[in-house]
Amino acid sequence: GQDAFHSVDARAVFVVLNGETVLQFDTIQNLLIRQIGPIPGSPIGAVAFDATDELLYVARVPGFTEAGQVSILGLDGSTVGSFSTGVAPSHIAIVREEPVRP
């Protein structure tokens, strides 16, 4: 899975610890900034961070025969949304489309 995510824009690395907690490290100072969790639910299979909206995306893997889920969290660990995925989600990509210019 994707156990770490480097956000250049946030100058941070997000790392999954023990499948239930996300640690945020400052890449400039090389310091632990915060611990998010333990987050209840199925083990974490992937993590990503949207620096524009300051939201953490955490893919949950309940097993290898059933659909997973992505939880969308604030940096305080509060859940702000979620969506279903396929079986065993192991990668999250944050993609923003560029606006069409006339």
PDB file of N, CA and C in Angstrom:
ATOM      1  N   GLY A   1       0.807  -1.189   0.000  1.00  0.00           N
ATOM      2  CA  GLY A   1       0.000   0.000   0.000  1.00  0.00           C
ATOM      3  C   GLY A   1       0.848   1.249   0.000  1.00  0.00           C
ATOM      4  N   GLN A   2       0.188   2.355   0.122  1.00  0.00           N
ATOM      5  CA  GLN A   2       0.816   3.675   0.133  1.00  0.00           C
ATOM      6  C   GLN A   2       0.871   4.133   1.590  1.00  0.00           C
ATOM      7  N   ASP A   3       1.932   3.733   2.277  1.00  0.00           N
ATOM      8  CA  ASP A   3       2.056   4.006   3.709  1.00  0.00           C
ATOM      9  C   ASP A   3       2.581   5.393   4.028  1.00  0.00           C
ATOM     10  N   ALA A   4       2.975   6.151   2.997  1.00  0.00           N
ATOM     11  CA  ALA A   4       3.474   7.504   3.213  1.00  0.00           C
ATOM     12  C   ALA A   4       3.075   8.372   2.031  1.00  0.00           C
ATOM     13  N   PHE A   5       2.900   9.662   2.303  1.00  0.00           N
ATOM     14  CA  PHE A   5       2.547  10.617   1.257  1.00  0.00           C
ATOM     15  C   PHE A   5       3.317  11.898   1.504  1.00  0.00           C
ATOM     16  N   HIS A   6       4.084  12.341   0.504  1.00  0.00           N
ATOM     17  CA  HIS A   6       4.835  13.592   0.610  1.00  0.00           C
ATOM     18  C   HIS A   6       4.044  14.703  -0.055  1.00  0.00           C
ATOM     19  N   SER A   7       3.694  15.711   0.714  1.00  0.00           N
ATOM     20  CA  SER A   7       2.990  16.874   0.184  1.00  0.00           C
ATOM     21  C   SER A   7       3.980  18.027   0.084  1.00  0.00           C
ATOM     22  N   VAL A   8       4.408  18.317  -1.143  1.00  0.00           N
ATOM     23  CA  VAL A   8       5.350  19.408  -1.366  1.00  0.00           C
ATOM     24  C   VAL A   8       4.732  20.730  -0.928  1.00  0.00           C
ATOM     25  N   ASP A   9       3.459  20.945  -1.286  1.00  0.00           N
ATOM     26  CA  ASP A   9       2.791  22.206  -0.972  1.00  0.00           C
ATOM     27  C   ASP A   9       2.646  22.441   0.527  1.00  0.00           C
ATOM     28  N   ALA A  10       2.406  21.375   1.294  1.00  0.00           N
ATOM     29  CA  ALA A  10       2.257  21.505   2.748  1.00  0.00           C
ATOM     30  C   ALA A  10       3.593  21.387   3.471  1.00  0.00           C
ATOM     31  N   ARG A  11       4.643  21.064   2.708  1.00  0.00           N
ATOM     32  CA  ARG A  11       5.965  20.834   3.308  1.00  0.00           C
ATOM     33  C   ARG A  11       5.880  19.813   4.433  1.00  0.00           C
ATOM     34  N   ALA A  12       5.214  18.689   4.097  1.00  0.00           N
ATOM     35  CA  ALA A  12       4.969  17.666   5.108  1.00  0.00           C
ATOM     36  C   ALA A  12       4.972  16.278   4.492  1.00  0.00           C
ATOM     37  N   VAL A  13       5.252  15.298   5.331  1.00  0.00           N
ATOM     38  CA  VAL A  13       5.111  13.891   4.984  1.00  0.00           C
ATOM     39  C   VAL A  13       4.126  13.294   5.972  1.00  0.00           C
ATOM     40  N   PHE A  14       3.172  12.531   5.441  1.00  0.00           N
ATOM     41  CA  PHE A  14       2.175  11.840   6.247  1.00  0.00           C
ATOM     42  C   PHE A  14       2.495  10.351   6.192  1.00  0.00           C
ATOM     43  N   VAL A  15       2.617   9.721   7.356  1.00  0.00           N
ATOM     44  CA  VAL A  15       3.043   8.324   7.438  1.00  0.00           C
ATOM     45  C   VAL A  15       2.037   7.531   8.264  1.00  0.00           C
ATOM     46  N   VAL A  16       1.664   6.343   7.767  1.00  0.00           N
ATOM     47  CA  VAL A  16       0.750   5.453   8.490  1.00  0.00           C
ATOM     48  C   VAL A  16       1.555   4.667   9.520  1.00  0.00           C
ATOM     49  N   LEU A  17       1.041   4.634  10.748  1.00  0.00           N
ATOM     50  CA  LEU A  17       1.674   3.889  11.834  1.00  0.00           C
ATOM     51  C   LEU A  17       0.722   2.814  12.316  1.00  0.00           C
ATOM     52  N   ASN A  18       1.151   1.564  12.288  1.00  0.00           N
ATOM     53  CA  ASN A  18       0.374   0.419  12.793  1.00  0.00           C
ATOM     54  C   ASN A  18      -1.009   0.272  12.159  1.00  0.00           C
ATOM     55  N   GLY A  19      -1.197   0.797  10.962  1.00  0.00           N
ATOM     56  CA  GLY A  19      -2.466   0.626  10.256  1.00  0.00           C
ATOM     57  C   GLY A  19      -3.641   1.373  10.855  1.00  0.00           C
ATOM     58  N   GLU A  20      -3.372   2.269  11.834  1.00  0.00           N
ATOM     59  CA  GLU A  20      -4.498   2.948  12.484  1.00  0.00           C
ATOM     60  C   GLU A  20      -4.244   4.409  12.841  1.00  0.00           C
ATOM     61  N   THR A  21      -3.031   4.862  12.678  1.00  0.00           N
ATOM     62  CA  THR A  21      -2.660   6.222  13.058  1.00  0.00           C
ATOM     63  C   THR A  21      -1.880   6.855  11.913  1.00  0.00           C
ATOM     64  N   VAL A  22      -2.034   8.176  11.736  1.00  0.00           N
ATOM     65  CA  VAL A  22      -1.257   8.908  10.740  1.00  0.00           C
ATOM     66  C   VAL A  22      -0.407   9.937  11.474  1.00  0.00           C
ATOM     67  N   LEU A  23       0.881   9.935  11.167  1.00  0.00           N
ATOM     68  CA  LEU A  23       1.807  10.914  11.723  1.00  0.00           C
ATOM     69  C   LEU A  23       2.131  11.941  10.651  1.00  0.00           C
ATOM     70  N   GLN A  24       2.172  13.217  11.040  1.00  0.00           N
ATOM     71  CA  GLN A  24       2.529  14.284  10.108  1.00  0.00           C
ATOM     72  C   GLN A  24       3.876  14.853  10.533  1.00  0.00           C
ATOM     73  N   PHE A  25       4.832  14.845   9.579  1.00  0.00           N
ATOM     74  CA  PHE A  25       6.163  15.383   9.833  1.00  0.00           C
ATOM     75  C   PHE A  25       6.390  16.629   8.993  1.00  0.00           C
ATOM     76  N   ASP A  26       6.988  17.651   9.579  1.00  0.00           N
ATOM     77  CA  ASP A  26       7.403  18.854   8.882  1.00  0.00           C
ATOM     78  C   ASP A  26       8.696  18.524   8.136  1.00  0.00           C
ATOM     79  N   THR A  27       8.731  18.708   6.816  1.00  0.00           N
ATOM     80  CA  THR A  27       9.918  18.349   6.046  1.00  0.00           C
ATOM     81  C   THR A  27      10.997  19.421   6.073  1.00  0.00           C
ATOM     82  N   ILE A  28      10.674  20.613   6.505  1.00  0.00           N
ATOM     83  CA  ILE A  28      11.682  21.665   6.620  1.00  0.00           C
ATOM     84  C   ILE A  28      12.466  21.504   7.923  1.00  0.00           C
ATOM     85  N   GLN A  29      11.739  21.312   9.032  1.00  0.00           N
ATOM     86  CA  GLN A  29      12.375  21.196  10.347  1.00  0.00           C
ATOM     87  C   GLN A  29      12.674  19.754  10.742  1.00  0.00           C
ATOM     88  N   ASN A  30      12.167  18.786   9.947  1.00  0.00           N
ATOM     89  CA  ASN A  30      12.335  17.362  10.245  1.00  0.00           C
ATOM     90  C   ASN A  30      11.809  17.028  11.641  1.00  0.00           C
ATOM     91  N   LEU A  31      10.584  17.502  11.916  1.00  0.00           N
ATOM     92  CA  LEU A  31       9.953  17.304  13.222  1.00  0.00           C
ATOM     93  C   LEU A  31       8.561  16.699  13.070  1.00  0.00           C
ATOM     94  N   LEU A  32       8.168  15.915  14.061  1.00  0.00           N
ATOM     95  CA  LEU A  32       6.800  15.418  14.135  1.00  0.00           C
ATOM     96  C   LEU A  32       5.898  16.584  14.517  1.00  0.00           C
ATOM     97  N   ILE A  33       4.889  16.844  13.687  1.00  0.00           N
ATOM     98  CA  ILE A  33       3.957  17.951  13.934  1.00  0.00           C
ATOM     99  C   ILE A  33       2.747  17.473  14.720  1.00  0.00           C
ATOM    100  N   ARG A  34       2.169  16.339  14.278  1.00  0.00           N
ATOM    101  CA  ARG A  34       0.963  15.854  14.941  1.00  0.00           C
ATOM    102  C   ARG A  34       0.766  14.377  14.694  1.00  0.00           C
ATOM    103  N   GLN A  35      -0.046  13.802  15.575  1.00  0.00           N
ATOM    104  CA  GLN A  35      -0.508  12.426  15.443  1.00  0.00           C
ATOM    105  C   GLN A  35      -2.014  12.488  15.276  1.00  0.00           C
ATOM    106  N   ILE A  36      -2.511  11.846  14.227  1.00  0.00           N
ATOM    107  CA  ILE A  36      -3.944  11.793  13.964  1.00  0.00           C
ATOM    108  C   ILE A  36      -4.382  10.353  14.203  1.00  0.00           C
ATOM    109  N   GLY A  37      -5.165  10.150  15.221  1.00  0.00           N
ATOM    110  CA  GLY A  37      -5.619   8.811  15.557  1.00  0.00           C
ATOM    111  C   GLY A  37      -5.042   8.330  16.862  1.00  0.00           C
ATOM    112  N   PRO A  38      -5.303   7.061  17.166  1.00  0.00           N
ATOM    113  CA  PRO A  38      -5.786   6.015  16.273  1.00  0.00           C
ATOM    114  C   PRO A  38      -7.167   6.333  15.705  1.00  0.00           C
ATOM    115  N   ILE A  39      -7.298   6.018  14.420  1.00  0.00           N
ATOM    116  CA  ILE A  39      -8.540   6.241  13.695  1.00  0.00           C
ATOM    117  C   ILE A  39      -9.315   4.928  13.700  1.00  0.00           C
ATOM    118  N   PRO A  40     -10.514   4.902  14.284  1.00  0.00           N
ATOM    119  CA  PRO A  40     -11.267   3.650  14.359  1.00  0.00           C
ATOM    120  C   PRO A  40     -11.674   3.145  12.974  1.00  0.00           C
ATOM    121  N   GLY A  41     -11.780   1.843  12.849  1.00  0.00           N
ATOM    122  CA  GLY A  41     -12.207   1.237  11.598  1.00  0.00           C
ATOM    123  C   GLY A  41     -11.193   0.244  11.085  1.00  0.00           C
ATOM    124  N   SER A  42     -11.378  -0.156   9.855  1.00  0.00           N
ATOM    125  CA  SER A  42     -10.497  -1.122   9.214  1.00  0.00           C
ATOM    126  C   SER A  42      -9.090  -0.553   9.062  1.00  0.00           C
ATOM    127  N   PRO A  43      -8.088  -1.417   8.878  1.00  0.00           N
ATOM    128  CA  PRO A  43      -6.707  -0.952   8.716  1.00  0.00           C
ATOM    129  C   PRO A  43      -6.556   0.016   7.545  1.00  0.00           C
ATOM    130  N   ILE A  44      -5.607   0.923   7.678  1.00  0.00           N
ATOM    131  CA  ILE A  44      -5.325   1.915   6.641  1.00  0.00           C
ATOM    132  C   ILE A  44      -4.442   1.277   5.575  1.00  0.00           C
ATOM    133  N   GLY A  45      -4.880   1.376   4.303  1.00  0.00           N
ATOM    134  CA  GLY A  45      -4.117   0.824   3.195  1.00  0.00           C
ATOM    135  C   GLY A  45      -3.404   1.880   2.379  1.00  0.00           C
ATOM    136  N   ALA A  46      -3.822   3.137   2.530  1.00  0.00           N
ATOM    137  CA  ALA A  46      -3.196   4.230   1.786  1.00  0.00           C
ATOM    138  C   ALA A  46      -3.563   5.552   2.450  1.00  0.00           C
ATOM    139  N   VAL A  47      -2.697   6.540   2.241  1.00  0.00           N
ATOM    140  CA  VAL A  47      -2.930   7.864   2.792  1.00  0.00           C
ATOM    141  C   VAL A  47      -2.497   8.902   1.755  1.00  0.00           C
ATOM    142  N   ALA A  48      -3.218  10.027   1.706  1.00  0.00           N
ATOM    143  CA  ALA A  48      -2.859  11.150   0.841  1.00  0.00           C
ATOM    144  C   ALA A  48      -3.359  12.424   1.508  1.00  0.00           C
ATOM    145  N   PHE A  49      -2.767  13.550   1.126  1.00  0.00           N
ATOM    146  CA  PHE A  49      -3.149  14.830   1.709  1.00  0.00           C
ATOM    147  C   PHE A  49      -3.385  15.840   0.608  1.00  0.00           C
ATOM    148  N   ASP A  50      -4.517  16.535   0.690  1.00  0.00           N
ATOM    149  CA  ASP A  50      -4.859  17.616  -0.227  1.00  0.00           C
ATOM    150  C   ASP A  50      -4.495  18.923   0.473  1.00  0.00           C
ATOM    151  N   ALA A  51      -3.372  19.511   0.087  1.00  0.00           N
ATOM    152  CA  ALA A  51      -2.888  20.723   0.744  1.00  0.00           C
ATOM    153  C   ALA A  51      -3.780  21.932   0.469  1.00  0.00           C
ATOM    154  N   THR A  52      -4.469  21.944  -0.666  1.00  0.00           N
ATOM    155  CA  THR A  52      -5.348  23.067  -0.992  1.00  0.00           C
ATOM    156  C   THR A  52      -6.515  23.145  -0.017  1.00  0.00           C
ATOM    157  N   ASP A  53      -7.155  22.009   0.230  1.00  0.00           N
ATOM    158  CA  ASP A  53      -8.304  21.972   1.127  1.00  0.00           C
ATOM    159  C   ASP A  53      -7.937  21.536   2.548  1.00  0.00           C
ATOM    160  N   GLU A  54      -6.669  21.198   2.761  1.00  0.00           N
ATOM    161  CA  GLU A  54      -6.169  20.718   4.053  1.00  0.00           C
ATOM    162  C   GLU A  54      -6.992  19.537   4.562  1.00  0.00           C
ATOM    163  N   LEU A  55      -7.145  18.529   3.668  1.00  0.00           N
ATOM    164  CA  LEU A  55      -7.892  17.327   4.010  1.00  0.00           C
ATOM    165  C   LEU A  55      -7.015  16.097   3.826  1.00  0.00           C
ATOM    166  N   LEU A  56      -7.156  15.168   4.749  1.00  0.00           N
ATOM    167  CA  LEU A  56      -6.425  13.915   4.731  1.00  0.00           C
ATOM    168  C   LEU A  56      -7.346  12.819   4.203  1.00  0.00           C
ATOM    169  N   TYR A  57      -6.880  12.063   3.230  1.00  0.00           N
ATOM    170  CA  TYR A  57      -7.640  10.957   2.649  1.00  0.00           C
ATOM    171  C   TYR A  57      -7.009   9.649   3.135  1.00  0.00           C
ATOM    172  N   VAL A  58      -7.817   8.798   3.745  1.00  0.00           N
ATOM    173  CA  VAL A  58      -7.337   7.556   4.342  1.00  0.00           C
ATOM    174  C   VAL A  58      -8.140   6.395   3.767  1.00  0.00           C
ATOM    175  N   ALA A  59      -7.468   5.506   3.024  1.00  0.00           N
ATOM    176  CA  ALA A  59      -8.142   4.342   2.441  1.00  0.00           C
ATOM    177  C   ALA A  59      -8.176   3.226   3.464  1.00  0.00           C
ATOM    178  N   ARG A  60      -9.344   2.638   3.643  1.00  0.00           N
ATOM    179  CA  ARG A  60      -9.550   1.571   4.625  1.00  0.00           C
ATOM    180  C   ARG A  60      -9.700   0.241   3.913  1.00  0.00           C
ATOM    181  N   VAL A  61      -9.003  -0.790   4.406  1.00  0.00           N
ATOM    182  CA  VAL A  61      -9.013  -2.117   3.794  1.00  0.00           C
ATOM    183  C   VAL A  61      -9.626  -3.116   4.777  1.00  0.00           C
ATOM    184  N   PRO A  62     -10.930  -3.431   4.609  1.00  0.00           N
ATOM    185  CA  PRO A  62     -11.564  -4.380   5.529  1.00  0.00           C
ATOM    186  C   PRO A  62     -11.188  -5.828   5.243  1.00  0.00           C
ATOM    187  N   GLY A  63     -10.600  -6.082   4.104  1.00  0.00           N
ATOM    188  CA  GLY A  63     -10.207  -7.435   3.707  1.00  0.00           C
ATOM    189  C   GLY A  63      -9.947  -7.449   2.218  1.00  0.00           C
ATOM    190  N   PHE A  64      -9.767  -8.621   1.659  1.00  0.00           N
ATOM    191  CA  PHE A  64      -9.442  -8.725   0.244  1.00  0.00           C
ATOM    192  C   PHE A  64     -10.566  -9.336  -0.569  1.00  0.00           C
ATOM    193  N   THR A  65     -11.782  -9.344   0.004  1.00  0.00           N
ATOM    194  CA  THR A  65     -12.941  -9.854  -0.732  1.00  0.00           C
ATOM    195  C   THR A  65     -14.110  -8.879  -0.708  1.00  0.00           C
ATOM    196  N   GLU A  66     -13.962  -7.757  -0.022  1.00  0.00           N
ATOM    197  CA  GLU A  66     -15.052  -6.791   0.058  1.00  0.00           C
ATOM    198  C   GLU A  66     -14.544  -5.392  -0.258  1.00  0.00           C
ATOM    199  N   ALA A  67     -15.452  -4.520  -0.638  1.00  0.00           N
ATOM    200  CA  ALA A  67     -15.106  -3.148  -1.001  1.00  0.00           C
ATOM    201  C   ALA A  67     -14.496  -2.408   0.181  1.00  0.00           C
ATOM    202  N   GLY A  68     -13.597  -1.511  -0.138  1.00  0.00           N
ATOM    203  CA  GLY A  68     -12.998  -0.661   0.881  1.00  0.00           C
ATOM    204  C   GLY A  68     -13.712   0.674   0.952  1.00  0.00           C
ATOM    205  N   GLN A  69     -13.099   1.603   1.655  1.00  0.00           N
ATOM    206  CA  GLN A  69     -13.687   2.926   1.815  1.00  0.00           C
ATOM    207  C   GLN A  69     -12.560   3.925   2.008  1.00  0.00           C
ATOM    208  N   VAL A  70     -12.779   5.148   1.556  1.00  0.00           N
ATOM    209  CA  VAL A  70     -11.859   6.242   1.839  1.00  0.00           C
ATOM    210  C   VAL A  70     -12.563   7.192   2.785  1.00  0.00           C
ATOM    211  N   SER A  71     -11.928   7.456   3.916  1.00  0.00           N
ATOM    212  CA  SER A  71     -12.420   8.447   4.868  1.00  0.00           C
ATOM    213  C   SER A  71     -11.696   9.756   4.591  1.00  0.00           C
ATOM    214  N   ILE A  72     -12.431  10.848   4.619  1.00  0.00           N
ATOM    215  CA  ILE A  72     -11.849  12.176   4.424  1.00  0.00           C
ATOM    216  C   ILE A  72     -11.863  12.856   5.783  1.00  0.00           C
ATOM    217  N   LEU A  73     -10.680  13.250   6.247  1.00  0.00           N
ATOM    218  CA  LEU A  73     -10.524  13.774   7.605  1.00  0.00           C
ATOM    219  C   LEU A  73      -9.937  15.173   7.610  1.00  0.00           C
ATOM    220  N   GLY A  74     -10.341  15.955   8.606  1.00  0.00           N
ATOM    221  CA  GLY A  74      -9.651  17.189   8.902  1.00  0.00           C
ATOM    222  C   GLY A  74      -8.365  16.843   9.649  1.00  0.00           C
ATOM    223  N   LEU A  75      -7.465  17.786   9.765  1.00  0.00           N
ATOM    224  CA  LEU A  75      -6.206  17.520  10.458  1.00  0.00           C
ATOM    225  C   LEU A  75      -6.388  17.268  11.950  1.00  0.00           C
ATOM    226  N   ASP A  76      -7.562  17.577  12.465  1.00  0.00           N
ATOM    227  CA  ASP A  76      -7.850  17.274  13.875  1.00  0.00           C
ATOM    228  C   ASP A  76      -8.403  15.861  14.044  1.00  0.00           C
ATOM    229  N   GLY A  77      -8.522  15.126  12.920  1.00  0.00           N
ATOM    230  CA  GLY A  77      -9.026  13.757  12.965  1.00  0.00           C
ATOM    231  C   GLY A  77     -10.524  13.636  12.767  1.00  0.00           C
ATOM    232  N   SER A  78     -11.218  14.757  12.646  1.00  0.00           N
ATOM    233  CA  SER A  78     -12.671  14.704  12.455  1.00  0.00           C
ATOM    234  C   SER A  78     -12.993  14.237  11.038  1.00  0.00           C
ATOM    235  N   THR A  79     -14.011  13.387  10.919  1.00  0.00           N
ATOM    236  CA  THR A  79     -14.438  12.885   9.617  1.00  0.00           C
ATOM    237  C   THR A  79     -15.336  13.914   8.950  1.00  0.00           C
ATOM    238  N   VAL A  80     -14.992  14.298   7.722  1.00  0.00           N
ATOM    239  CA  VAL A  80     -15.796  15.268   6.982  1.00  0.00           C
ATOM    240  C   VAL A  80     -16.473  14.644   5.769  1.00  0.00           C
ATOM    241  N   GLY A  81     -16.142  13.396   5.460  1.00  0.00           N
ATOM    242  CA  GLY A  81     -16.778  12.710   4.342  1.00  0.00           C
ATOM    243  C   GLY A  81     -16.171  11.337   4.135  1.00  0.00           C
ATOM    244  N   SER A  82     -16.737  10.611   3.179  1.00  0.00           N
ATOM    245  CA  SER A  82     -16.214   9.296   2.832  1.00  0.00           C
ATOM    246  C   SER A  82     -16.809   8.863   1.498  1.00  0.00           C
ATOM    247  N   PHE A  83     -16.185   7.873   0.880  1.00  0.00           N
ATOM    248  CA  PHE A  83     -16.739   7.259  -0.317  1.00  0.00           C
ATOM    249  C   PHE A  83     -16.235   5.829  -0.428  1.00  0.00           C
ATOM    250  N   SER A  84     -16.988   5.000  -1.133  1.00  0.00           N
ATOM    251  CA  SER A  84     -16.645   3.590  -1.313  1.00  0.00           C
ATOM    252  C   SER A  84     -15.590   3.438  -2.398  1.00  0.00           C
ATOM    253  N   THR A  85     -14.840   2.339  -2.307  1.00  0.00           N
ATOM    254  CA  THR A  85     -13.811   2.032  -3.297  1.00  0.00           C
ATOM    255  C   THR A  85     -13.972   0.578  -3.732  1.00  0.00           C
ATOM    256  N   GLY A  86     -13.054   0.132  -4.547  1.00  0.00           N
ATOM    257  CA  GLY A  86     -12.987  -1.279  -4.891  1.00  0.00           C
ATOM    258  C   GLY A  86     -12.344  -2.045  -3.751  1.00  0.00           C
ATOM    259  N   VAL A  87     -12.047  -3.292  -4.011  1.00  0.00           N
ATOM    260  CA  VAL A  87     -11.426  -4.162  -3.011  1.00  0.00           C
ATOM    261  C   VAL A  87      -9.995  -3.702  -2.735  1.00  0.00           C
ATOM    262  N   ALA A  88      -9.627  -3.673  -1.453  1.00  0.00           N
ATOM    263  CA  ALA A  88      -8.260  -3.388  -0.985  1.00  0.00           C
ATOM    264  C   ALA A  88      -7.639  -2.142  -1.609  1.00  0.00           C
ATOM    265  N   PRO A  89      -8.201  -0.953  -1.359  1.00  0.00           N
ATOM    266  CA  PRO A  89      -7.609   0.269  -1.911  1.00  0.00           C
ATOM    267  C   PRO A  89      -6.188   0.474  -1.365  1.00  0.00           C
ATOM    268  N   SER A  90      -5.238   0.625  -2.284  1.00  0.00           N
ATOM    269  CA  SER A  90      -3.845   0.707  -1.858  1.00  0.00           C
ATOM    270  C   SER A  90      -3.126   1.943  -2.360  1.00  0.00           C
ATOM    271  N   HIS A  91      -3.821   2.843  -3.041  1.00  0.00           N
ATOM    272  CA  HIS A  91      -3.181   4.049  -3.560  1.00  0.00           C
ATOM    273  C   HIS A  91      -4.238   5.142  -3.714  1.00  0.00           C
ATOM    274  N   ILE A  92      -3.861   6.358  -3.365  1.00  0.00           N
ATOM    275  CA  ILE A  92      -4.741   7.518  -3.532  1.00  0.00           C
ATOM    276  C   ILE A  92      -3.956   8.578  -4.283  1.00  0.00           C
ATOM    277  N   ALA A  93      -4.551   9.142  -5.323  1.00  0.00           N
ATOM    278  CA  ALA A  93      -3.945  10.234  -6.066  1.00  0.00           C
ATOM    279  C   ALA A  93      -4.857  11.450  -5.968  1.00  0.00           C
ATOM    280  N   ILE A  94      -4.292  12.579  -5.613  1.00  0.00           N
ATOM    281  CA  ILE A  94      -5.035  13.839  -5.580  1.00  0.00           C
ATOM    282  C   ILE A  94      -4.780  14.526  -6.921  1.00  0.00           C
ATOM    283  N   VAL A  95      -5.843  14.693  -7.714  1.00  0.00           N
ATOM    284  CA  VAL A  95      -5.705  15.271  -9.046  1.00  0.00           C
ATOM    285  C   VAL A  95      -6.628  16.474  -9.138  1.00  0.00           C
ATOM    286  N   ARG A  96      -6.076  17.596  -9.530  1.00  0.00           N
ATOM    287  CA  ARG A  96      -6.878  18.809  -9.743  1.00  0.00           C
ATOM    288  C   ARG A  96      -6.783  19.164 -11.212  1.00  0.00           C
ATOM    289  N   GLU A  97      -7.938  19.416 -11.805  1.00  0.00           N
ATOM    290  CA  GLU A  97      -7.948  19.810 -13.202  1.00  0.00           C
ATOM    291  C   GLU A  97      -7.674  21.312 -13.300  1.00  0.00           C
ATOM    292  N   GLU A  98      -6.887  21.669 -14.286  1.00  0.00           N
ATOM    293  CA  GLU A  98      -6.626  23.084 -14.538  1.00  0.00           C
ATOM    294  C   GLU A  98      -7.871  23.700 -15.174  1.00  0.00           C
ATOM    295  N   PRO A  99      -8.245  24.927 -14.779  1.00  0.00           N
ATOM    296  CA  PRO A  99      -9.405  25.551 -15.396  1.00  0.00           C
ATOM    297  C   PRO A  99      -9.163  25.786 -16.889  1.00  0.00           C
ATOM    298  N   VAL A 100     -10.226  25.659 -17.667  1.00  0.00           N
ATOM    299  CA  VAL A 100     -10.136  25.918 -19.105  1.00  0.00           C
ATOM    300  C   VAL A 100     -10.101  27.417 -19.306  1.00  0.00           C
ATOM    301  N   ARG A 101      -9.099  27.843 -20.032  1.00  0.00           N
ATOM    302  CA  ARG A 101      -8.943  29.299 -20.285  1.00  0.00           C
ATOM    303  C   ARG A 101      -9.457  29.606 -21.688  1.00  0.00           C
ATOM    304  N   PRO A 102     -10.199  30.718 -21.799  1.00  0.00           N
ATOM    305  CA  PRO A 102     -10.728  31.082 -23.142  1.00  0.00           C
ATOM    306  C   PRO A 102      -9.645  31.511 -24.086  1.00  0.00           C
TER     307      PRO A 102
END
